[in-house]
C-alpha atoms as a PDB file:
ATOM      1  CA  MET A   1      -0.008  -0.007  -0.001  1.00  0.00           C
ATOM      2  CA  LYS A   2       1.319   3.441  -0.920  1.00  0.00           C
ATOM      3  CA  GLU A   3       2.453   5.470   2.050  1.00  0.00           C
ATOM      4  CA  GLU A   4       0.384   8.501   2.609  1.00  0.00           C
ATOM      5  CA  ASN A   5       2.267  11.698   1.795  1.00  0.00           C
ATOM      6  CA  ASP A   6       1.269  13.938   4.688  1.00  0.00           C
ATOM      7  CA  PHE A   7       4.453  15.980   4.585  1.00  0.00           C
ATOM      8  CA  SER A   8       2.760  18.792   2.733  1.00  0.00           C
ATOM      9  CA  LYS A   9      -0.297  18.755   4.982  1.00  0.00           C
ATOM     10  CA  PRO A  10       0.755  20.178   8.372  1.00  0.00           C
ATOM     11  CA  PHE A  11      -2.623  22.000   8.606  1.00  0.00           C
ATOM     12  CA  LEU A  12      -6.011  20.246   8.768  1.00  0.00           C
ATOM     13  CA  LEU A  13      -9.478  21.635   8.410  1.00  0.00           C
ATOM     14  CA  ASP A  14     -11.492  21.609  11.599  1.00  0.00           C
ATOM     15  CA  GLU A  15     -14.938  21.062  10.188  1.00  0.00           C
ATOM     16  CA  GLU A  16     -16.704  22.167  13.370  1.00  0.00           C
ATOM     17  CA  ALA A  17     -14.736  25.408  13.746  1.00  0.00           C
ATOM     18  CA  ASN A  18     -14.502  25.827   9.989  1.00  0.00           C
ATOM     19  CA  GLU A  19     -10.818  26.858  10.182  1.00  0.00           C
ATOM     20  CA  PHE A  20      -7.328  25.491   9.741  1.00  0.00           C
ATOM     21  CA  LYS A  21      -5.407  24.334  12.819  1.00  0.00           C
ATOM     22  CA  LEU A  22      -1.821  23.258  13.221  1.00  0.00           C
ATOM     23  CA  VAL A  23      -1.708  19.522  13.725  1.00  0.00           C
ATOM     24  CA  CYS A  24       1.477  17.553  14.539  1.00  0.00           C
ATOM     25  CA  ARG A  25       1.627  14.394  12.493  1.00  0.00           C
ATOM     26  CA  SER A  26       4.120  11.768  13.534  1.00  0.00           C
ATOM     27  CA  SER A  27       5.613  11.538  10.026  1.00  0.00           C
ATOM     28  CA  TYR A  28       6.148  15.300   9.640  1.00  0.00           C
ATOM     29  CA  PRO A  29       9.222  15.818  11.933  1.00  0.00           C
ATOM     30  CA  LYS A  30      10.829  12.707  10.550  1.00  0.00           C
ATOM     31  CA  LYS A  31      10.589  13.970   7.025  1.00  0.00           C
ATOM     32  CA  ILE A  32      11.924  17.434   7.987  1.00  0.00           C
ATOM     33  CA  TRP A  33      15.068  15.903   9.556  1.00  0.00           C
ATOM     34  CA  GLY A  34      15.456  13.538   6.677  1.00  0.00           C
ATOM     35  CA  LEU A  35      15.398  16.391   4.209  1.00  0.00           C
ATOM     36  CA  LEU A  36      17.927  18.435   6.237  1.00  0.00           C
ATOM     37  CA  LEU A  37      20.211  15.410   6.498  1.00  0.00           C
ATOM     38  CA  GLN A  38      19.987  14.845   2.792  1.00  0.00           C
ATOM     39  CA  GLN A  39      20.744  18.500   1.962  1.00  0.00           C
ATOM     40  CA  SER A  40      23.673  18.653   4.367  1.00  0.00           C
ATOM     41  CA  THR A  41      25.234  15.527   2.851  1.00  0.00           C
ATOM     42  CA  VAL A  42      25.111  17.155  -0.544  1.00  0.00           C
ATOM     43  CA  LEU A  43      26.362  20.548   0.604  1.00  0.00           C
ATOM     44  CA  TRP A  44      29.116  19.486   3.069  1.00  0.00           C
ATOM     45  CA  PRO A  45      31.877  18.961   0.441  1.00  0.00           C
ATOM     46  CA  ASN A  46      31.265  22.520  -0.866  1.00  0.00           C
ATOM     47  CA  ILE A  47      31.180  23.993   2.666  1.00  0.00           C
ATOM     48  CA  LYS A  48      34.380  22.180   3.603  1.00  0.00           C
ATOM     49  CA  SER A  49      36.082  23.366   0.448  1.00  0.00           C
ATOM     50  CA  GLY A  50      34.927  26.962   1.089  1.00  0.00           C
ATOM     51  CA  ILE A  51      36.264  26.931   4.610  1.00  0.00           C
ATOM     52  CA  LYS A  52      39.583  25.561   3.446  1.00  0.00           C
ATOM     53  CA  ASN A  53      39.971  28.150   0.703  1.00  0.00           C
ATOM     54  CA  THR A  54      38.949  31.014   2.996  1.00  0.00           C
ATOM     55  CA  VAL A  55      41.435  30.016   5.723  1.00  0.00           C
ATOM     56  CA  SER A  56      44.143  29.556   3.135  1.00  0.00           C
ATOM     57  CA  CYS A  57      43.459  32.980   1.677  1.00  0.00           C
ATOM     58  CA  ILE A  58      43.505  34.677   5.054  1.00  0.00           C
ATOM     59  CA  PHE A  59      46.853  33.224   6.100  1.00  0.00           C
ATOM     60  CA  ARG A  60      48.391  33.709   2.665  1.00  0.00           C
ATOM     61  CA  ASN A  61      47.509  37.392   2.376  1.00  0.00           C
ATOM     62  CA  VAL A  62      48.123  38.612   5.942  1.00  0.00           C
ATOM     63  CA  VAL A  63      51.507  40.414   6.154  1.00  0.00           C
ATOM     64  CA  PRO A  64      52.830  41.823   9.404  1.00  0.00           C
ATOM     65  CA  VAL A  65      52.804  45.618   9.242  1.00  0.00           C
ATOM     66  CA  LYS A  66      54.800  47.801  11.610  1.00  0.00           C
ATOM     67  CA  GLY A  67      53.389  50.843  13.322  1.00  0.00           C
ATOM     68  CA  ASP A  68      55.514  53.007  11.020  1.00  0.00           C
ATOM     69  CA  ASN A  69      57.587  52.444   7.946  1.00  0.00           C
ATOM     70  CA  THR A  70      60.844  51.857   9.863  1.00  0.00           C
ATOM     71  CA  GLU A  71      63.829  49.866   8.719  1.00  0.00           C
ATOM     72  CA  THR A  72      65.154  47.434  11.308  1.00  0.00           C
ATOM     73  CA  VAL A  73      68.733  47.841  10.066  1.00  0.00           C
ATOM     74  CA  PRO A  74      69.928  51.451   9.644  1.00  0.00           C
ATOM     75  CA  LYS A  75      71.736  52.389   6.418  1.00  0.00           C
ATOM     76  CA  ASP A  76      75.149  53.939   6.312  1.00  0.00           C
ATOM     77  CA  LEU A  77      75.048  57.690   6.794  1.00  0.00           C
ATOM     78  CA  THR A  78      76.680  59.343   3.757  1.00  0.00           C
ATOM     79  CA  VAL A  79      75.498  61.860   1.230  1.00  0.00           C
ATOM     80  CA  THR A  80      75.677  59.160  -1.448  1.00  0.00           C
ATOM     81  CA  VAL A  81      73.455  56.780   0.486  1.00  0.00           C
ATOM     82  CA  LEU A  82      70.931  59.484   1.249  1.00  0.00           C
ATOM     83  CA  LEU A  83      70.613  60.291  -2.449  1.00  0.00           C
ATOM     84  CA  GLU A  84      70.368  56.606  -3.416  1.00  0.00           C
ATOM     85  CA  THR A  85      67.675  55.972  -0.829  1.00  0.00           C
ATOM     86  CA  LYS A  86      65.630  58.920  -2.083  1.00  0.00           C
ATOM     87  CA  LYS A  87      65.734  57.495  -5.641  1.00  0.00           C
ATOM     88  CA  SER A  88      65.172  53.882  -4.645  1.00  0.00           C
ATOM     89  CA  GLU A  89      61.436  54.130  -3.882  1.00  0.00           C
ATOM     90  CA  PRO A  90      58.541  56.529  -4.447  1.00  0.00           C
ATOM     91  CA  PHE A  91      58.074  58.896  -1.526  1.00  0.00           C
ATOM     92  CA  CYS A  92      55.473  61.562  -0.806  1.00  0.00           C
ATOM     93  CA  GLU A  93      56.403  65.179  -1.347  1.00  0.00           C
ATOM     94  CA  ALA A  94      57.032  65.761   2.379  1.00  0.00           C
ATOM     95  CA  MET A  95      59.586  62.926   2.581  1.00  0.00           C
ATOM     96  CA  GLU A  96      61.307  64.069  -0.599  1.00  0.00           C
ATOM     97  CA  ASN A  97      61.663  67.531   0.898  1.00  0.00           C
ATOM     98  CA  CYS A  98      63.135  65.954   4.052  1.00  0.00           C
ATOM     99  CA  PHE A  99      65.670  64.086   1.982  1.00  0.00           C
ATOM    100  CA  ASP A 100      66.617  67.243   0.139  1.00  0.00           C
ATOM    101  CA  THR A 101      67.117  69.138   3.366  1.00  0.00           C
ATOM    102  CA  ALA A 102      69.079  66.257   4.900  1.00  0.00           C
ATOM    103  CA  VAL A 103      71.485  66.111   1.938  1.00  0.00           C
ATOM    104  CA  LYS A 104      71.931  69.867   1.725  1.00  0.00           C
ATOM    105  CA  LYS A 105      72.611  70.354   5.455  1.00  0.00           C
ATOM    106  CA  PHE A 106      74.621  67.173   6.051  1.00  0.00           C
ATOM    107  CA  GLU A 107      76.990  68.101   3.262  1.00  0.00           C
ATOM    108  CA  LEU A 108      77.954  71.217   5.207  1.00  0.00           C
ATOM    109  CA  GLU A 109      78.575  69.414   8.507  1.00  0.00           C
ATOM    110  CA  PRO A 110      82.197  69.160   9.689  1.00  0.00           C
ATOM    111  CA  GLN A 111      83.909  65.794   9.338  1.00  0.00           C
ATOM    112  CA  ILE A 112      83.699  65.201  13.100  1.00  0.00           C
ATOM    113  CA  VAL A 113      79.928  65.115  12.719  1.00  0.00           C
ATOM    114  CA  LYS A 114      79.780  63.126   9.457  1.00  0.00           C
ATOM    115  CA  ASP A 115      81.936  60.344  10.881  1.00  0.00           C
ATOM    116  CA  ASN A 116      79.934  59.763  14.042  1.00  0.00           C
ATOM    117  CA  ALA A 117      76.209  60.495  13.683  1.00  0.00           C
ATOM    118  CA  LYS A 118      72.766  58.973  13.760  1.00  0.00           C
ATOM    119  CA  MET A 119      70.184  60.589  11.452  1.00  0.00           C
ATOM    120  CA  ILE A 120      66.435  60.018  11.764  1.00  0.00           C
ATOM    121  CA  LEU A 121      64.181  61.188   8.953  1.00  0.00           C
ATOM    122  CA  GLU A 122      60.548  61.180  10.046  1.00  0.00           C
ATOM    123  CA  CYS A 123      58.187  62.857   7.644  1.00  0.00           C
ATOM    124  CA  ASN A 124      54.473  62.286   6.966  1.00  0.00           C
ATOM    125  CA  GLY A 125      54.400  58.891   8.698  1.00  0.00           C
ATOM    126  CA  THR A 126      57.572  57.496   7.051  1.00  0.00           C
ATOM    127  CA  ARG A 127      60.683  56.948   9.110  1.00  0.00           C
ATOM    128  CA  LYS A 128      64.243  56.241   7.859  1.00  0.00           C
ATOM    129  CA  GLU A 129      67.371  55.776   9.922  1.00  0.00           C
ATOM    130  CA  PHE A 130      71.042  56.235   8.930  1.00  0.00           C
ATOM    131  CA  VAL A 131      74.162  55.755  11.072  1.00  0.00           C
ATOM    132  CA  SER A 132      77.875  56.481  10.775  1.00  0.00           C
ATOM    133  CA  GLY A 133      80.531  55.482  13.337  1.00  0.00           C
ATOM    134  CA  LYS A 134      79.011  55.092  16.811  1.00  0.00           C
ATOM    135  CA  GLY A 135      76.129  57.448  16.015  1.00  0.00           C
ATOM    136  CA  GLU A 136      76.889  59.733  18.979  1.00  0.00           C
ATOM    137  CA  ASN A 137      75.760  62.990  17.285  1.00  0.00           C
ATOM    138  CA  TYR A 138      72.000  62.918  16.900  1.00  0.00           C
ATOM    139  CA  ILE A 139      70.482  64.469  13.755  1.00  0.00           C
ATOM    140  CA  GLU A 140      66.734  64.707  13.311  1.00  0.00           C
ATOM    141  CA  VAL A 141      64.909  65.796  10.116  1.00  0.00           C
ATOM    142  CA  PHE A 142      61.152  66.170  10.419  1.00  0.00           C
ATOM    143  CA  TRP A 143      58.147  67.787   8.727  1.00  0.00           C
ATOM    144  CA  VAL A 144      55.807  70.143  10.648  1.00  0.00           C
ATOM    145  CA  ASP A 145      53.144  72.432   9.208  1.00  0.00           C
ATOM    146  CA  GLY A 146      54.520  72.251   5.707  1.00  0.00           C
ATOM    147  CA  GLN A 147      58.090  73.039   6.796  1.00  0.00           C
ATOM    148  CA  THR A 148      61.178  70.789   7.000  1.00  0.00           C
ATOM    149  CA  HIS A 149      63.261  71.075  10.136  1.00  0.00           C
ATOM    150  CA  TYR A 150      66.882  69.923  10.662  1.00  0.00           C
ATOM    151  CA  THR A 151      68.242  69.738  14.207  1.00  0.00           C
ATOM    152  CA  VAL A 152      71.519  68.479  15.642  1.00  0.00           C
ATOM    153  CA  LYS A 153      72.347  67.450  19.179  1.00  0.00           C
ATOM    154  CA  GLU A 154      76.097  67.517  19.531  1.00  0.00           C
ATOM    155  CA  ALA A 155      77.813  64.717  21.437  1.00  0.00           C
ATOM    156  CA  ASN A 156      80.265  67.043  23.121  1.00  0.00           C
ATOM    157  CA  SER A 157      81.758  70.588  23.199  1.00  0.00           C
ATOM    158  CA  GLN A 158      84.354  69.755  20.564  1.00  0.00           C
ATOM    159  CA  VAL A 159      81.621  68.919  18.094  1.00  0.00           C
ATOM    160  CA  TYR A 160      79.671  72.031  19.109  1.00  0.00           C
ATOM    161  CA  ALA A 161      82.690  74.246  18.537  1.00  0.00           C
ATOM    162  CA  ALA A 162      83.359  72.602  15.121  1.00  0.00           C
ATOM    163  CA  ARG A 163      79.771  73.232  14.042  1.00  0.00           C
ATOM    164  CA  LEU A 164      79.713  76.885  15.038  1.00  0.00           C
ATOM    165  CA  GLY A 165      81.066  78.053  11.702  1.00  0.00           C
ATOM    166  CA  ARG A 166      80.528  81.757  10.991  1.00  0.00           C
ATOM    167  CA  GLN A 167      78.803  83.334  13.996  1.00  0.00           C
ATOM    168  CA  PRO A 168      77.563  86.943  14.180  1.00  0.00           C
ATOM    169  CA  LEU A 169      80.020  89.140  16.044  1.00  0.00           C
ATOM    170  CA  ASN A 170      78.315  90.872  18.957  1.00  0.00           C
ATOM    171  CA  LEU A 171      78.397  90.553  22.744  1.00  0.00           C
ATOM    172  CA  SER A 172      75.164  88.575  22.814  1.00  0.00           C
ATOM    173  CA  SER A 173      76.537  85.924  20.414  1.00  0.00           C
ATOM    174  CA  LEU A 174      79.783  85.654  22.361  1.00  0.00           C
ATOM    175  CA  LEU A 175      77.876  85.081  25.595  1.00  0.00           C
ATOM    176  CA  ASN A 176      75.621  82.504  24.010  1.00  0.00           C
ATOM    177  CA  VAL A 177      78.564  80.423  22.736  1.00  0.00           C
ATOM    178  CA  TYR A 178      80.332  80.682  26.084  1.00  0.00           C
ATOM    179  CA  GLN A 179      77.207  79.502  27.943  1.00  0.00           C
ATOM    180  CA  GLN A 180      76.748  76.558  25.575  1.00  0.00           C
ATOM    181  CA  LEU A 181      80.328  75.494  26.163  1.00  0.00           C
ATOM    182  CA  VAL A 182      79.834  75.663  29.908  1.00  0.00           C
ATOM    183  CA  SER A 183      76.668  73.539  29.703  1.00  0.00           C
ATOM    184  CA  LEU A 184      78.531  70.933  27.570  1.00  0.00           C
ATOM    185  CA  GLU A 185      81.545  71.017  29.923  1.00  0.00           C
ATOM    186  CA  GLY A 186      83.689  72.160  27.072  1.00  0.00           C
ATOM    187  CA  SER A 187      87.400  72.803  26.937  1.00  0.00           C
ATOM    188  CA  GLU A 188      88.531  74.875  29.869  1.00  0.00           C
ATOM    189  CA  GLU A 189      91.085  76.632  27.725  1.00  0.00           C
ATOM    190  CA  LEU A 190      88.523  77.617  25.114  1.00  0.00           C
ATOM    191  CA  ARG A 191      86.190  78.936  27.807  1.00  0.00           C
ATOM    192  CA  GLN A 192      88.994  81.005  29.285  1.00  0.00           C
ATOM    193  CA  CYS A 193      89.751  82.555  25.888  1.00  0.00           C
ATOM    194  CA  LEU A 194      86.071  83.331  25.307  1.00  0.00           C
ATOM    195  CA  ASN A 195      85.843  84.866  28.738  1.00  0.00           C
ATOM    196  CA  LYS A 196      88.791  87.101  27.891  1.00  0.00           C
ATOM    197  CA  THR A 197      87.068  88.040  24.611  1.00  0.00           C
ATOM    198  CA  ILE A 198      83.829  88.947  26.361  1.00  0.00           C
ATOM    199  CA  LYS A 199      85.735  91.345  28.631  1.00  0.00           C
ATOM    200  CA  GLU A 200      87.899  92.961  25.939  1.00  0.00           C
ATOM    201  CA  PHE A 201      85.590  93.171  22.870  1.00  0.00           C
ATOM    202  CA  PRO A 202      83.127  95.753  24.353  1.00  0.00           C
ATOM    203  CA  LYS A 203      86.119  98.077  24.959  1.00  0.00           C
ATOM    204  CA  GLU A 204      86.829  98.352  21.297  1.00  0.00           C
ATOM    205  CA  PRO A 205      85.410 101.392  19.351  1.00  0.00           C
ATOM    206  CA  HIS A 206      82.310 100.762  17.242  1.00  0.00           C
ATOM    207  CA  ALA A 207      84.371 101.286  14.096  1.00  0.00           C
ATOM    208  CA  VAL A 208      86.154  98.053  15.002  1.00  0.00           C
ATOM    209  CA  GLN A 209      83.234  96.097  16.433  1.00  0.00           C
ATOM    210  CA  ASP A 210      80.910  96.761  13.515  1.00  0.00           C
ATOM    211  CA  ASN A 211      83.244  95.462  10.800  1.00  0.00           C
ATOM    212  CA  ALA A 212      85.491  92.728  12.092  1.00  0.00           C
ATOM    213  CA  MET A 213      86.482  89.066  11.907  1.00  0.00           C
ATOM    214  CA  LEU A 214      87.196  87.631  15.364  1.00  0.00           C
ATOM    215  CA  GLN A 215      88.824  84.202  15.665  1.00  0.00           C
ATOM    216  CA  VAL A 216      89.285  82.373  18.925  1.00  0.00           C
ATOM    217  CA  SER A 217      91.891  79.615  18.647  1.00  0.00           C
ATOM    218  CA  CYS A 218      92.207  77.827  21.954  1.00  0.00           C
ATOM    219  CA  GLY A 219      92.021  74.261  23.319  1.00  0.00           C
ATOM    220  CA  GLY A 220      92.348  72.738  19.873  1.00  0.00           C
ATOM    221  CA  SER A 221      89.245  74.512  18.547  1.00  0.00           C
ATOM    222  CA  ASN A 222      88.708  77.479  16.283  1.00  0.00           C
ATOM    223  CA  VAL A 223      85.587  79.592  16.646  1.00  0.00           C
ATOM    224  CA  THR A 224      85.017  82.451  14.199  1.00  0.00           C
ATOM    225  CA  PHE A 225      82.728  85.488  14.530  1.00  0.00           C
ATOM    226  CA  TYR A 226      81.922  88.037  11.782  1.00  0.00           C
ATOM    227  CA  SER A 227      80.395  91.498  11.609  1.00  0.00           C
ATOM    228  CA  GLU A 228      79.851  93.135   8.203  1.00  0.00           C
ATOM    229  CA  ALA A 229      82.696  92.271   5.813  1.00  0.00           C
ATOM    230  CA  GLY A 230      85.163  91.397   8.592  1.00  0.00           C
ATOM    231  CA  LYS A 231      87.608  94.156   7.565  1.00  0.00           C
ATOM    232  CA  ASN A 232      89.326  94.412  10.977  1.00  0.00           C
ATOM    233  CA  GLU A 233      90.970  91.259  12.362  1.00  0.00           C
ATOM    234  CA  ILE A 234      90.887  90.159  15.979  1.00  0.00           C
ATOM    235  CA  ASN A 235      92.696  87.026  17.095  1.00  0.00           C
ATOM    236  CA  VAL A 236      92.443  85.450  20.526  1.00  0.00           C
ATOM    237  CA  TYR A 237      94.927  82.741  21.516  1.00  0.00           C
ATOM    238  CA  LYS A 238      97.387  81.525  24.146  1.00  0.00           C
ATOM    239  CA  ASP A 239     101.012  82.416  23.707  1.00  0.00           C
ATOM    240  CA  THR A 240     103.969  80.184  24.584  1.00  0.00           C
ATOM    241  CA  LEU A 241     103.861  81.390  28.167  1.00  0.00           C
ATOM    242  CA  GLY A 242     100.204  80.413  28.546  1.00  0.00           C
ATOM    243  CA  GLU A 243      98.978  84.004  28.540  1.00  0.00           C
ATOM    244  CA  ILE A 244      95.761  84.794  26.642  1.00  0.00           C
ATOM    245  CA  VAL A 245      96.393  87.301  23.892  1.00  0.00           C
ATOM    246  CA  PHE A 246      93.648  89.594  22.470  1.00  0.00           C
ATOM    247  CA  ASN A 247      95.287  90.978  19.301  1.00  0.00           C
ATOM    248  CA  VAL A 248      93.580  93.582  17.043  1.00  0.00           C
ATOM    249  CA  LYS A 249      94.578  94.569  13.553  1.00  0.00           C
ATOM    250  CA  ALA A 250      92.482  97.541  12.710  1.00  0.00           C
ATOM    251  CA  LYS A 251      92.320  99.177   9.279  1.00  0.00           C
ATOM    252  CA  GLY A 252      91.336 102.581   7.960  1.00  0.00           C
ATOM    253  CA  TRP A 253      89.191 104.768  10.195  1.00  0.00           C
ATOM    254  CA  ALA A 254      89.055 101.957  12.783  1.00  0.00           C
ATOM    255  CA  TRP A 255      92.790 102.225  13.301  1.00  0.00           C
ATOM    256  CA  TRP A 256      92.434 105.981  14.080  1.00  0.00           C
ATOM    257  CA  ALA A 257      89.486 105.320  16.323  1.00  0.00           C
ATOM    258  CA  ARG A 258      91.576 102.950  18.440  1.00  0.00           C
ATOM    259  CA  LEU A 259      94.437 105.438  18.544  1.00  0.00           C
ATOM    260  CA  PHE A 260      92.168 108.237  19.850  1.00  0.00           C
ATOM    261  CA  ARG A 261      90.624 105.888  22.367  1.00  0.00           C
ATOM    262  CA  ARG A 262      94.018 105.317  23.984  1.00  0.00           C
ATOM    263  CA  HIS A 263      94.436 108.998  24.504  1.00  0.00           C
END
C-alpha cells in the first residue's frame, strides 16, 4: 500500500470550527530531519572546500605591518646613500623635501659630525634611519606644518665648537657660545679665551666692532665670529707662556678710532 504523503499537509481543516489548525503528525518531523540530512550531505563537500579556501586565503595574504615604515637595520650615513635611498622608492612630497634638506645640510657638517652621527628622517608617517661610526651625534629631520626642520644634538663641546662656523660678532653671540660650552663642559682653555674676549671686545670702538672678523683659537678649537665684511681682524689665543692674547689689527678709520681711544 502506498504510504500516505502527509508531509505537505501540516494544517487540517476543523470542520466544526470551519478553520485550519496546526496539527502535529508523527511523520512530519521525521521527513523534515530527513530532508535536512539529505541536503547537508550534498552541501558539506562545498562548505568544507569553502572553509579551506577562506582560511588559506587569510593566512596567505596577511603580512605583518609595523606601526610606522621603519627599517630594522639602519643604512650607512653618507650623502651618497641619502641620495640613493631617495631615488630607490617613491616617496610623498614631504619625505622628498626631508631628503633634500638632509642632503643639503649634512654636506655642510664638519667631518667630526659626518663620521659619528645617527640621522632620523621622520616625515608624513615615514621613518628612515642612517648611522655612521658610533652614532653619537643625533640628527633629526622632520616635517611640521609644511616646513622641513633639521636639528643636531652635539655629542660634546668639541663637536659644538666645530659646528659653530661663521657666527655673528656681537656681545650677545659671544655670551651664548660661552654658555653653551659651559653647559657641555667644554674645553677649559677655550672657555678662558672666550671669557677674555667677552671682557675685551666691548672696549673696542664701534668702528672696530661693527666690521671685524674675530677668531678664537684655543684648546684645539677654532671659533669664528663676523660683523659686516670682517675688515678688521681680531685674534684670541694663548702664547707660549700660557697667557691669553687679544690681538687687534684695525684698518682705515678703525685704526684711528683705536688710537684716539688710547688718549
